[in-house]
Amino acid sequence: MLPFRNIKRNLYKALQQPLYAVRVFYRRLLSYIKYKSHGGRSFPPEAITLFLTYRCNLECKMCGQWGESGVTKKDLNKTRKELSLEAWKKIVEDIAEFRPNITLFGGEPLIYKDVIELIEYIKLKKLHCIIITNGTMLEKYGKELVEVGVDEINLSIDGDEKLHDYIRGVPGLFSKISRGVELVNRYKKKKPLLNLQCTITPYNYLYLDRLVDVGKSFNADSLTFHHYIFITEELYSRQEKVTTELLKVTSFDWSGFIRNVCNLGIDGEVLCKVISRVRRLSRNNKFFVNFYPNFDEKEIIEYYSSLHFISRTYPQRCLSPWIVGYIFPDGELRPCLNINYSFGNVCNQKFKEVWNNEKAVFFRRVLRKMRFFPACVRCTELYRY
């Protein structure tokens, strides 16, 4: 329910938002009880992610959607799918009764033209709201995000100015983001919390320590480094075989993360030394830094070098479909980001009806029996709960 390796991270969050943390713990406990019951049903989810759009204004090198091998670039028709503000409001009104935490995601969610009005409505319903953004539009929306009461801004940053602009492919982007952050800090009081999110990639893993200074200069509340998400051709084939045979769907979205592990460009042993340096620097600067998943050194080396990595320090089962739901720009409710399996459409039915319908129960029973699917070992959701 709460992996031991995540204790430090969860305690820090609890100190920042104690009432929110209590509610999260209680909801996860209920879902864990349902998971153990083997029935395939679950209590209403603790969190729901709303994918407002597939569109993005960047093509970051490592991105599985818009990067060098991104799946959205292969199917631009997806970018035309977006729900209206009224449709999203109807969904929010429907789910507000069980008070899930809402995360706004994309693509780049700030591209969605009615994003501020939607956040305002989410807060009107007294729901905790997080937005995940690349920061390109914080100059435009920073003040409004504070005024409508968004609870957390999770801002993606890859390095200092020169490195960030290189990875994102846009000169001057870091300076633009810095001006947006300054605007947020100028108007905010206690919230929103500003959490920096950095993906460890072949381009920046030698220079992660630079992010500590960036975090302090941004007056950020935390900095989380996420291990690089990638799978091999062999793992993708096994994933496709399992989901096609058992669920009658593909895992096509995983294809955007296919990399050659023998030529990945990240030396696990060197990365361990960099991580030690970052931890030491964060302690000296009294700035909270977290690595996620929080693998030990042996696991880190295996993660980046082995074709058959499986964590030993985290529970080897996926709880995510009992705890969180993902609503996509077409209204489909999915249990997983990268498996094209839908419980149903929440534009046509009540959320609770879809959440525990026959398709949902079947998916959870299959996953409960298998514990995790082949590609899950490279998915951060496996290590969250």
Protein backbone atom coordinates (compact mmCIF):
# COMPACT_ATOMS: atom_id res chain seq x y z
CA MET A 1 0.00 0.00 0.00
CA LEU A 2 2.83 2.37 0.94
CA PRO A 3 6.13 0.87 -0.24
CA PHE A 4 8.83 1.17 2.39
CA ARG A 5 11.19 2.76 -0.12
CA ASN A 6 8.74 5.68 -0.52
CA ILE A 7 8.42 6.48 3.19
CA LYS A 8 10.67 9.56 3.16
CA ARG A 9 8.84 11.00 0.15
CA ASN A 10 5.42 10.38 1.71
CA LEU A 11 6.42 11.82 5.07
CA TYR A 12 7.65 15.00 3.42
CA LYS A 13 4.36 15.39 1.57
CA ALA A 14 2.43 14.72 4.79
CA LEU A 15 4.27 17.51 6.57
CA GLN A 16 3.45 19.91 3.74
CA GLN A 17 -0.23 18.98 3.50
CA PRO A 18 -1.27 16.93 6.57
CA LEU A 19 -5.05 16.78 5.99
CA TYR A 20 -4.55 15.90 2.34
CA ALA A 21 -2.10 13.17 3.37
CA VAL A 22 -4.55 11.62 5.85
CA ARG A 23 -7.26 11.49 3.21
CA VAL A 24 -4.85 9.91 0.70
CA PHE A 25 -3.73 7.27 3.20
CA TYR A 26 -7.31 6.35 4.10
CA ARG A 27 -8.39 6.03 0.47
CA ARG A 28 -5.38 3.89 -0.42
CA LEU A 29 -6.05 1.65 2.56
CA LEU A 30 -9.60 0.99 1.35
CA SER A 31 -8.36 0.22 -2.16
CA TYR A 32 -5.69 -2.11 -0.80
CA ILE A 33 -8.37 -4.03 1.10
CA LYS A 34 -10.32 -4.43 -2.13
CA TYR A 35 -7.17 -5.60 -3.93
CA LYS A 36 -6.62 -8.29 -1.31
CA SER A 37 -10.22 -9.48 -1.65
CA HIS A 38 -9.55 -10.89 -5.17
CA GLY A 39 -12.95 -9.69 -6.39
CA GLY A 40 -11.86 -7.20 -9.02
CA ARG A 41 -14.04 -4.38 -7.71
CA SER A 42 -12.68 -1.31 -5.96
CA PHE A 43 -13.77 1.71 -3.95
CA PRO A 44 -13.93 5.02 -5.82
CA PRO A 45 -10.37 6.05 -6.78
CA GLU A 46 -8.15 8.21 -4.64
CA ALA A 47 -6.93 10.09 -7.71
CA ILE A 48 -8.06 10.75 -11.27
CA THR A 49 -5.88 12.12 -14.04
CA LEU A 50 -7.63 14.21 -16.69
CA PHE A 51 -5.81 14.21 -20.03
CA LEU A 52 -7.00 17.53 -21.41
CA THR A 53 -5.18 17.26 -24.72
CA TYR A 54 -2.66 15.23 -26.70
CA ARG A 55 -1.24 18.47 -28.11
CA CYS A 56 2.12 19.80 -26.96
CA ASN A 57 4.24 22.79 -27.95
CA LEU A 58 7.54 20.93 -27.43
CA GLU A 59 9.18 17.82 -28.86
CA CYS A 60 11.48 16.80 -25.99
CA LYS A 61 14.06 14.21 -27.00
CA MET A 62 13.06 11.59 -24.40
CA CYS A 63 9.26 11.96 -24.58
CA GLY A 64 7.22 8.86 -25.44
CA GLN A 65 4.50 11.03 -26.97
CA TRP A 66 6.33 13.74 -28.92
CA GLY A 67 10.00 12.67 -28.73
CA GLU A 68 12.21 11.14 -31.37
CA SER A 69 10.08 7.95 -31.47
CA GLY A 70 6.91 9.40 -29.92
CA VAL A 71 3.63 7.62 -30.59
CA THR A 72 1.52 10.78 -30.94
CA LYS A 73 3.71 11.92 -33.83
CA LYS A 74 2.78 8.66 -35.57
CA ASP A 75 -0.95 9.34 -35.18
CA LEU A 76 -1.68 13.07 -35.38
CA ASN A 77 -5.41 12.34 -35.60
CA LYS A 78 -5.31 11.87 -31.82
CA THR A 79 -4.56 15.57 -31.36
CA ARG A 80 -8.02 16.46 -32.70
CA LYS A 81 -9.70 14.70 -29.78
CA GLU A 82 -10.59 17.09 -26.97
CA LEU A 83 -13.60 17.35 -24.71
CA SER A 84 -15.43 20.65 -24.33
CA LEU A 85 -15.32 22.58 -21.08
CA GLU A 86 -18.95 21.63 -20.45
CA ALA A 87 -18.13 17.94 -20.90
CA TRP A 88 -15.26 18.16 -18.42
CA LYS A 89 -17.44 20.08 -15.96
CA LYS A 90 -20.07 17.36 -16.17
CA ILE A 91 -17.43 14.73 -15.40
CA VAL A 92 -16.03 16.75 -12.48
CA GLU A 93 -19.53 17.26 -11.07
CA ASP A 94 -20.12 13.51 -11.33
CA ILE A 95 -16.92 12.51 -9.50
CA ALA A 96 -16.92 15.32 -6.93
CA GLU A 97 -19.13 13.33 -4.54
CA PHE A 98 -16.25 10.99 -3.62
CA ARG A 99 -13.62 13.78 -3.63
CA PRO A 100 -10.77 12.34 -5.70
CA ASN A 101 -7.54 14.25 -6.14
CA ILE A 102 -7.37 15.64 -9.68
CA THR A 103 -4.26 15.81 -11.84
CA LEU A 104 -4.36 17.74 -15.12
CA PHE A 105 -2.05 16.31 -17.75
CA GLY A 106 -1.44 16.10 -21.49
CA GLY A 107 0.33 16.77 -23.86
CA GLU A 108 0.68 20.21 -22.34
CA PRO A 109 -2.50 20.90 -20.34
CA LEU A 110 -2.07 24.68 -20.44
CA ILE A 111 -2.65 24.50 -24.22
CA TYR A 112 -6.25 23.51 -23.52
CA LYS A 113 -8.07 26.81 -24.05
CA ASP A 114 -10.43 26.52 -21.09
CA VAL A 115 -7.90 25.19 -18.58
CA ILE A 116 -8.27 28.10 -16.12
CA GLU A 117 -12.06 27.85 -16.12
CA LEU A 118 -11.81 24.10 -15.56
CA ILE A 119 -9.44 24.51 -12.58
CA GLU A 120 -11.76 27.15 -11.16
CA TYR A 121 -14.62 24.66 -11.37
CA ILE A 122 -12.54 21.86 -9.82
CA LYS A 123 -11.70 24.12 -6.89
CA LEU A 124 -15.33 25.21 -6.62
CA LYS A 125 -16.05 21.53 -5.96
CA LYS A 126 -13.33 21.61 -3.24
CA LEU A 127 -11.10 19.05 -4.96
CA HIS A 128 -7.31 18.95 -4.67
CA CYS A 129 -5.89 19.94 -8.06
CA ILE A 130 -2.39 19.37 -9.48
CA ILE A 131 -1.22 20.48 -12.90
CA ILE A 132 1.76 18.92 -14.68
CA THR A 133 3.32 21.40 -17.10
CA ASN A 134 6.42 22.03 -19.17
CA GLY A 135 6.31 25.64 -17.99
CA THR A 136 6.26 27.27 -21.42
CA MET A 137 2.99 29.07 -20.65
CA LEU A 138 3.55 30.01 -17.02
CA GLU A 139 4.21 33.61 -18.06
CA LYS A 140 0.72 33.73 -19.54
CA TYR A 141 -1.13 31.80 -16.84
CA GLY A 142 1.01 32.07 -13.69
CA LYS A 143 -1.05 34.75 -11.96
CA GLU A 144 -4.35 33.10 -12.91
CA LEU A 145 -3.20 29.69 -11.64
CA VAL A 146 -2.55 31.27 -8.26
CA GLU A 147 -5.85 33.16 -8.26
CA VAL A 148 -8.01 30.13 -9.10
CA GLY A 149 -6.34 28.18 -6.30
CA VAL A 150 -4.48 25.33 -8.01
CA ASP A 151 -2.85 23.34 -5.20
CA GLU A 152 0.35 22.15 -6.87
CA ILE A 153 2.32 22.94 -10.00
CA ASN A 154 4.55 20.07 -11.08
CA LEU A 155 7.08 21.67 -13.40
CA SER A 156 9.28 19.62 -15.73
CA ILE A 157 12.93 20.76 -15.76
CA ASP A 158 15.87 18.90 -17.30
CA GLY A 159 18.89 20.92 -16.17
CA ASP A 160 20.33 24.39 -15.96
CA GLU A 161 19.64 26.92 -18.69
CA LYS A 162 21.92 25.62 -21.43
CA LEU A 163 21.14 21.94 -20.87
CA HIS A 164 17.39 22.40 -20.50
CA ASP A 165 17.14 24.40 -23.72
CA TYR A 166 19.18 21.75 -25.56
CA ILE A 167 17.00 18.84 -24.40
CA ARG A 168 13.78 20.73 -25.09
CA GLY A 169 15.06 22.03 -28.42
CA VAL A 170 14.02 25.65 -27.82
CA PRO A 171 16.66 28.37 -27.21
CA GLY A 172 15.60 30.79 -24.50
CA LEU A 173 13.03 28.41 -23.03
CA PHE A 174 14.63 28.21 -19.57
CA SER A 175 14.59 32.01 -19.25
CA LYS A 176 10.94 32.05 -20.29
CA ILE A 177 10.10 29.42 -17.67
CA SER A 178 12.07 31.35 -15.04
CA ARG A 179 9.95 34.45 -15.69
CA GLY A 180 6.81 32.36 -15.30
CA VAL A 181 8.04 30.88 -12.01
CA GLU A 182 8.89 34.37 -10.76
CA LEU A 183 5.32 35.42 -11.55
CA VAL A 184 3.86 32.49 -9.61
CA ASN A 185 6.10 33.21 -6.62
CA ARG A 186 5.17 36.90 -6.70
CA TYR A 187 1.46 36.25 -6.31
CA LYS A 188 1.27 33.04 -4.29
CA LYS A 189 0.97 32.80 -0.53
CA LYS A 190 0.90 29.24 0.81
CA LYS A 191 -0.02 27.65 -2.50
CA PRO A 192 0.47 26.43 -5.08
CA LEU A 193 3.34 24.21 -4.07
CA LEU A 194 5.99 24.25 -6.78
CA ASN A 195 7.45 20.80 -7.36
CA LEU A 196 10.21 20.37 -9.91
CA GLN A 197 10.23 17.11 -11.88
CA CYS A 198 13.36 16.01 -13.72
CA THR A 199 13.56 12.93 -15.92
CA ILE A 200 16.98 11.27 -15.81
CA THR A 201 18.10 10.84 -19.42
CA PRO A 202 21.31 10.12 -21.34
CA TYR A 203 21.54 13.87 -21.95
CA ASN A 204 21.53 15.08 -18.34
CA TYR A 205 22.42 12.24 -15.97
CA LEU A 206 26.00 13.46 -15.46
CA TYR A 207 24.78 16.92 -14.42
CA LEU A 208 21.88 16.27 -12.05
CA ASP A 209 23.56 18.22 -9.26
CA ARG A 210 22.93 21.44 -11.18
CA LEU A 211 19.21 21.04 -10.52
CA VAL A 212 19.69 21.70 -6.80
CA ASP A 213 20.75 25.27 -7.56
CA VAL A 214 17.88 25.59 -10.03
CA GLY A 215 15.43 24.42 -7.39
CA LYS A 216 16.65 26.92 -4.85
CA SER A 217 16.66 29.76 -7.38
CA PHE A 218 13.05 28.91 -8.28
CA ASN A 219 12.11 28.81 -4.58
CA ALA A 220 10.71 25.35 -5.27
CA ASP A 221 9.21 23.19 -2.54
CA SER A 222 10.77 19.96 -3.81
CA LEU A 223 12.74 18.34 -6.60
CA THR A 224 12.04 14.81 -7.79
CA PHE A 225 14.28 12.92 -10.20
CA HIS A 226 12.43 10.27 -12.20
CA HIS A 227 14.31 7.33 -13.61
CA TYR A 228 14.24 7.12 -17.40
CA ILE A 229 11.24 5.18 -18.72
CA PHE A 230 12.27 2.85 -21.53
CA ILE A 231 11.62 -0.67 -22.75
CA THR A 232 13.40 -2.94 -25.19
CA GLU A 233 11.99 -4.46 -28.39
CA GLU A 234 11.98 -7.83 -26.65
CA LEU A 235 10.03 -6.50 -23.65
CA TYR A 236 7.59 -4.70 -25.94
CA SER A 237 6.95 -7.95 -27.83
CA ARG A 238 6.21 -9.80 -24.59
CA GLN A 239 3.92 -6.98 -23.47
CA GLU A 240 2.01 -7.04 -26.76
CA LYS A 241 1.65 -10.82 -26.60
CA VAL A 242 0.19 -10.75 -23.09
CA THR A 243 -2.24 -7.86 -23.60
CA THR A 244 -3.37 -9.10 -27.01
CA GLU A 245 -4.05 -12.62 -25.76
CA LEU A 246 -5.56 -11.78 -22.36
CA LEU A 247 -7.18 -8.38 -22.90
CA LYS A 248 -7.69 -8.32 -26.70
CA VAL A 249 -5.99 -4.91 -26.95
CA THR A 250 -2.55 -3.61 -27.88
CA SER A 251 0.02 -1.77 -25.80
CA PHE A 252 0.97 0.43 -28.76
CA ASP A 253 1.67 3.50 -26.61
CA TRP A 254 4.59 1.63 -25.06
CA SER A 255 6.29 1.64 -28.49
CA GLY A 256 7.22 5.30 -27.97
CA PHE A 257 9.57 4.21 -25.18
CA ILE A 258 11.49 1.52 -27.08
CA ARG A 259 15.25 1.97 -26.68
CA ASN A 260 18.33 -0.22 -27.21
CA VAL A 261 19.54 -0.99 -23.69
CA CYS A 262 23.02 -1.83 -25.00
CA ASN A 263 23.28 1.66 -26.47
CA LEU A 264 21.16 3.57 -23.97
CA GLY A 265 23.83 6.06 -22.95
CA ILE A 266 23.37 5.87 -19.17
CA ASP A 267 26.08 4.19 -17.08
CA GLY A 268 24.35 2.93 -13.93
CA GLU A 269 27.52 2.90 -11.83
CA VAL A 270 28.33 6.50 -12.76
CA LEU A 271 24.72 7.50 -12.10
CA CYS A 272 24.96 6.06 -8.58
CA LYS A 273 27.91 8.36 -7.87
CA VAL A 274 26.02 11.34 -9.28
CA ILE A 275 23.00 10.50 -7.10
CA SER A 276 25.21 10.33 -3.99
CA ARG A 277 26.59 13.75 -4.88
CA VAL A 278 23.09 15.18 -5.34
CA ARG A 279 21.88 13.78 -2.00
CA ARG A 280 24.88 15.26 -0.22
CA LEU A 281 24.36 18.63 -1.89
CA SER A 282 20.65 18.68 -1.03
CA ARG A 283 21.40 17.97 2.64
CA ASN A 284 23.95 20.77 2.76
CA ASN A 285 21.45 23.15 1.18
CA LYS A 286 18.49 21.92 3.27
CA PHE A 287 16.53 21.37 0.07
CA PHE A 288 14.28 18.33 -0.34
CA VAL A 289 15.35 16.02 -3.17
CA ASN A 290 13.82 12.67 -4.00
CA PHE A 291 14.65 9.93 -6.51
CA TYR A 292 11.73 7.96 -7.87
CA PRO A 293 11.47 5.04 -7.94
CA ASN A 294 13.85 4.99 -4.97
CA PHE A 295 15.96 2.05 -6.13
CA ASP A 296 19.09 0.99 -4.26
CA GLU A 297 22.46 1.11 -6.05
CA LYS A 298 22.37 -2.48 -7.26
CA GLU A 299 18.89 -1.98 -8.68
CA ILE A 300 19.92 1.23 -10.45
CA ILE A 301 22.77 -0.56 -12.20
CA GLU A 302 20.49 -3.45 -13.20
CA TYR A 303 17.69 -1.12 -14.30
CA TYR A 304 19.91 0.57 -16.88
CA SER A 305 21.83 -2.51 -18.03
CA SER A 306 19.68 -5.62 -17.71
CA LEU A 307 17.08 -6.87 -20.15
CA HIS A 308 15.32 -8.69 -17.30
CA PHE A 309 15.23 -6.13 -14.47
CA ILE A 310 12.79 -6.74 -11.61
CA SER A 311 12.95 -4.71 -8.40
CA ARG A 312 13.69 -6.54 -5.15
CA THR A 313 12.97 -3.65 -2.77
CA TYR A 314 9.46 -2.83 -4.04
CA PRO A 315 6.41 -5.12 -3.92
CA GLN A 316 6.09 -6.97 -7.20
CA ARG A 317 2.44 -6.15 -7.95
CA CYS A 318 0.54 -3.27 -9.54
CA LEU A 319 -2.15 -1.63 -7.39
CA SER A 320 -2.74 1.35 -9.65
CA PRO A 321 -6.06 0.24 -11.27
CA TRP A 322 -7.60 -0.03 -7.79
CA ILE A 323 -6.45 3.48 -6.78
CA VAL A 324 -6.29 5.78 -9.80
CA GLY A 325 -8.17 6.27 -13.06
CA TYR A 326 -7.15 8.02 -16.28
CA ILE A 327 -9.71 9.90 -18.37
CA PHE A 328 -8.48 10.58 -21.90
CA PRO A 329 -9.45 13.39 -24.32
CA ASP A 330 -12.19 11.21 -25.83
CA GLY A 331 -13.81 10.49 -22.44
CA GLU A 332 -12.52 6.93 -22.20
CA LEU A 333 -11.66 5.77 -18.66
CA ARG A 334 -8.52 3.65 -18.69
CA PRO A 335 -6.72 1.77 -15.90
CA CYS A 336 -3.31 2.27 -17.49
CA LEU A 337 -1.51 4.96 -19.46
CA ASN A 338 0.04 2.73 -22.09
CA ILE A 339 -2.37 -0.18 -22.50
CA ASN A 340 -5.20 0.62 -24.89
CA TYR A 341 -7.82 -0.94 -22.63
CA SER A 342 -10.88 1.11 -21.71
CA PHE A 343 -13.38 0.46 -18.93
CA GLY A 344 -15.88 2.62 -20.83
CA ASN A 345 -16.72 6.23 -21.64
CA VAL A 346 -17.59 8.56 -18.76
CA CYS A 347 -19.28 11.01 -21.11
CA ASN A 348 -22.02 8.43 -21.67
CA GLN A 349 -22.26 6.82 -18.21
CA LYS A 350 -21.78 7.74 -14.59
CA PHE A 351 -18.18 7.33 -13.44
CA LYS A 352 -19.06 4.86 -10.67
CA GLU A 353 -20.93 2.65 -13.14
CA VAL A 354 -17.90 2.48 -15.41
CA TRP A 355 -15.35 2.13 -12.59
CA ASN A 356 -16.71 -1.23 -11.45
CA ASN A 357 -18.35 -2.52 -14.60
CA GLU A 358 -17.71 -5.94 -16.13
CA LYS A 359 -14.69 -4.77 -18.16
CA ALA A 360 -13.11 -3.12 -15.12
CA VAL A 361 -13.57 -6.17 -12.92
CA PHE A 362 -12.15 -8.43 -15.64
CA PHE A 363 -9.04 -6.26 -16.07
CA ARG A 364 -8.33 -6.14 -12.34
CA ARG A 365 -8.79 -9.90 -11.96
CA VAL A 366 -6.35 -10.58 -14.79
CA LEU A 367 -3.81 -8.17 -13.33
CA ARG A 368 -4.35 -9.50 -9.79
CA LYS A 369 -3.58 -13.01 -11.00
CA MET A 370 -0.47 -11.95 -12.96
CA ARG A 371 0.62 -9.33 -10.38
CA PHE A 372 2.05 -7.16 -13.18
CA PHE A 373 2.37 -7.17 -16.96
CA PRO A 374 5.81 -7.44 -18.63
CA ALA A 375 6.32 -3.70 -19.28
CA CYS A 376 5.15 -2.72 -15.78
CA VAL A 377 8.70 -3.06 -14.47
CA ARG A 378 9.51 0.14 -16.42
CA CYS A 379 6.39 2.03 -15.31
CA THR A 380 6.54 4.39 -12.35
CA GLU A 381 2.97 3.50 -11.31
CA LEU A 382 4.19 0.03 -10.27
CA TYR A 383 6.32 1.68 -7.56
CA ARG A 384 3.89 4.34 -6.36
CA TYR A 385 1.47 2.25 -4.25
